[in-house]
Protein backbone atom coordinates (compact mmCIF):
# COMPACT_ATOMS: atom_id res chain seq x y z
CA MET A 1 -14.85 1.37 7.15
CA GLN A 2 -14.28 -2.19 5.86
CA TRP A 3 -11.65 -2.62 3.04
CA VAL A 4 -10.99 -5.72 1.26
CA THR A 5 -8.25 -6.82 -1.21
CA ARG A 6 -6.37 -9.92 -2.19
CA SER A 7 -4.35 -12.05 0.23
CA HIS A 8 -0.73 -12.80 0.39
CA VAL A 9 0.23 -8.94 0.68
CA HIS A 10 3.24 -7.51 -1.01
CA VAL A 11 4.14 -3.91 -1.56
CA ASP A 12 0.93 -2.16 -2.61
CA ARG A 13 -1.19 -4.39 -0.28
CA VAL A 14 0.93 -3.45 2.74
CA ALA A 15 1.59 0.27 1.63
CA CYS A 16 -2.16 0.76 1.11
CA PRO A 17 -3.40 -0.32 4.43
CA TRP A 18 -0.81 1.71 5.88
CA LEU A 19 -1.80 4.91 4.10
CA ILE A 20 -5.48 4.32 4.86
CA LEU A 21 -4.74 3.93 8.34
CA ARG A 22 -2.59 6.83 8.75
CA PHE A 23 -4.26 9.23 6.44
CA ILE A 24 -7.56 8.25 5.30
CA ASP A 25 -9.55 6.07 7.62
CA SER A 26 -8.07 5.54 11.30
CA GLU A 27 -10.81 3.07 12.07
CA ALA A 28 -10.40 0.89 8.99
CA LYS A 29 -10.39 -2.93 9.15
CA PHE A 30 -9.18 -5.11 6.39
CA LEU A 31 -10.11 -8.45 4.87
CA PHE A 32 -7.80 -10.24 2.75
CA VAL A 33 -9.27 -12.87 0.47
CA PRO A 34 -8.26 -14.75 -2.63
CA LYS A 35 -8.34 -12.65 -5.82
CA SER A 36 -11.27 -14.24 -7.20
CA GLN A 37 -13.25 -13.31 -4.16
CA VAL A 38 -12.34 -9.68 -3.58
CA LEU A 39 -15.31 -8.07 -5.44
CA ALA A 40 -18.00 -10.46 -4.35
CA VAL A 41 -16.87 -9.87 -0.70
CA ALA A 42 -16.75 -6.30 -1.00
CA GLU A 43 -20.32 -6.38 -2.26
CA ARG A 44 -21.51 -8.46 0.28
CA GLU A 45 -19.78 -6.84 3.39
CA GLY A 46 -20.31 -3.36 2.02
CA ALA A 47 -16.28 -2.99 1.93
CA ILE A 48 -14.07 -0.86 -0.09
CA SER A 49 -12.06 -2.99 -2.68
CA PHE A 50 -8.66 -2.15 -3.48
CA ASP A 51 -5.66 -3.30 -5.47
CA THR A 52 -7.29 -5.93 -7.54
CA PRO A 53 -8.76 -5.60 -11.08
CA GLY A 54 -12.15 -4.32 -10.99
CA ALA A 55 -11.66 -2.83 -7.45
CA GLN A 56 -12.80 0.64 -6.36
CA TYR A 57 -9.13 1.52 -6.19
CA HIS A 58 -6.70 -0.09 -8.32
CA HIS A 59 -3.63 0.93 -10.68
CA ASP A 60 -4.19 3.56 -13.02
CA GLY A 61 -1.85 3.30 -16.06
CA GLU A 62 1.71 3.74 -14.43
CA LEU A 63 0.38 4.50 -11.03
CA CYS A 64 0.01 1.62 -8.29
CA THR A 65 -2.87 1.54 -6.24
CA PHE A 66 -0.97 3.46 -3.22
CA SER A 67 -0.42 6.57 -5.63
CA VAL A 68 -4.02 6.28 -6.95
CA LEU A 69 -5.44 6.59 -3.43
CA ILE A 70 -3.37 9.61 -2.74
CA ARG A 71 -4.55 11.21 -5.78
CA GLU A 72 -8.05 10.32 -5.32
CA TYR A 73 -8.11 11.39 -1.54
CA GLY A 74 -6.41 14.71 -2.38
CA LEU A 75 -3.25 14.14 -0.20
CA THR A 76 -0.52 16.57 -0.82
CA ASP A 77 1.97 15.84 2.00
CA LYS A 78 5.38 16.23 0.56
CA ALA A 79 6.82 13.25 2.34
CA LEU A 80 3.84 11.08 1.41
CA LEU A 81 4.33 12.10 -2.29
CA ARG A 82 8.10 11.11 -1.84
CA LEU A 83 7.06 7.73 -0.34
CA ALA A 84 4.73 7.17 -3.27
CA LYS A 85 7.43 7.45 -5.80
CA ILE A 86 9.25 4.52 -4.16
CA VAL A 87 6.37 2.52 -3.25
CA ASN A 88 5.25 3.11 -7.02
CA ALA A 89 8.58 2.07 -8.51
CA ALA A 90 8.72 -1.05 -6.27
CA ASP A 91 5.18 -2.21 -7.02
CA THR A 92 5.18 -1.76 -10.63
CA GLY A 93 8.42 -3.44 -11.44
CA GLN A 94 10.17 -0.22 -12.38
CA LEU A 95 12.80 -0.71 -9.80
CA ASN A 96 15.15 1.67 -11.42
CA GLN A 97 12.85 4.63 -11.23
CA ASP A 98 13.70 5.02 -7.57
CA PRO A 99 17.02 4.26 -5.76
CA TYR A 100 14.87 2.86 -2.87
CA ALA A 101 12.53 0.82 -4.78
CA ARG A 102 14.56 -2.46 -4.96
CA GLY A 103 15.14 -2.19 -1.00
CA LEU A 104 11.54 -1.88 -0.41
CA GLU A 105 10.65 -4.75 -2.82
CA ALA A 106 13.21 -6.98 -1.14
CA ILE A 107 11.84 -6.05 2.48
CA ALA A 108 8.59 -7.20 1.04
CA VAL A 109 9.62 -10.51 -0.06
CA GLY A 110 11.45 -11.15 3.29
CA PHE A 111 8.51 -10.11 5.49
CA GLY A 112 6.42 -12.17 3.26
CA VAL A 113 8.44 -15.19 3.92
CA ARG A 114 8.74 -14.55 7.60
CA PHE A 115 5.32 -13.58 8.26
CA PRO A 116 2.86 -15.38 5.78
CA ASP A 117 -0.27 -14.42 7.76
CA ASP A 118 -1.34 -11.10 6.21
CA ALA A 119 -2.63 -9.48 9.29
CA VAL A 120 0.67 -10.14 11.12
CA ASN A 121 2.74 -9.12 8.12
CA LEU A 122 0.95 -5.70 8.15
CA GLN A 123 1.54 -5.21 11.65
CA LYS A 124 5.09 -6.10 11.47
CA GLN A 125 5.80 -4.06 7.94
CA PHE A 126 3.97 -0.85 9.35
CA GLU A 127 7.07 -0.04 11.31
CA VAL A 128 9.10 -0.14 8.15
CA TYR A 129 6.63 2.40 6.51
CA ASP A 130 6.64 4.70 9.55
CA ALA A 131 10.56 4.74 9.71
CA LEU A 132 10.39 5.26 5.73
CA TYR A 133 7.85 7.95 6.04
CA ALA A 134 10.03 9.63 8.59
CA TRP A 135 13.16 9.50 6.51
CA CYS A 136 10.92 10.90 3.68
CA ARG A 137 9.93 13.90 5.84
CA LEU A 138 13.57 14.72 6.47
CA GLU A 139 14.12 14.44 2.91
CA THR A 140 11.61 16.75 1.87
CA ILE A 141 12.55 19.43 4.53
CA LYS A 142 15.86 19.85 2.71
CA GLU A 143 13.98 20.79 -0.55
């Protein structure tokens, strides 16, 4: 399936493609377009829109799109739920809600500076999310 979101990826627009590929749709393809074109491109291409106002999947109250996708797809993996707390805090500007949120925000900014091409940025940051998810797995085993 094709998915479409805003260009110039940041926390949620990196976390969501990682989540989609790892847990929802391993064959997913992503389009990154200007914010004003997301919904039109989704309609034209038959793509699933996310993380932009009016998209099929977007923020819901205090939840960022990553957390909304977890809820909507009924994902219950404890490590994934732990990761969602970090992503949600970093993406919604509630950096004090999780001790690792500020670091994830800093990483997202740094990768954005180093890799302005969205596809390259995703490829590079997926390693970070894989590692963070592995850490979350260790943390949730202790519980």
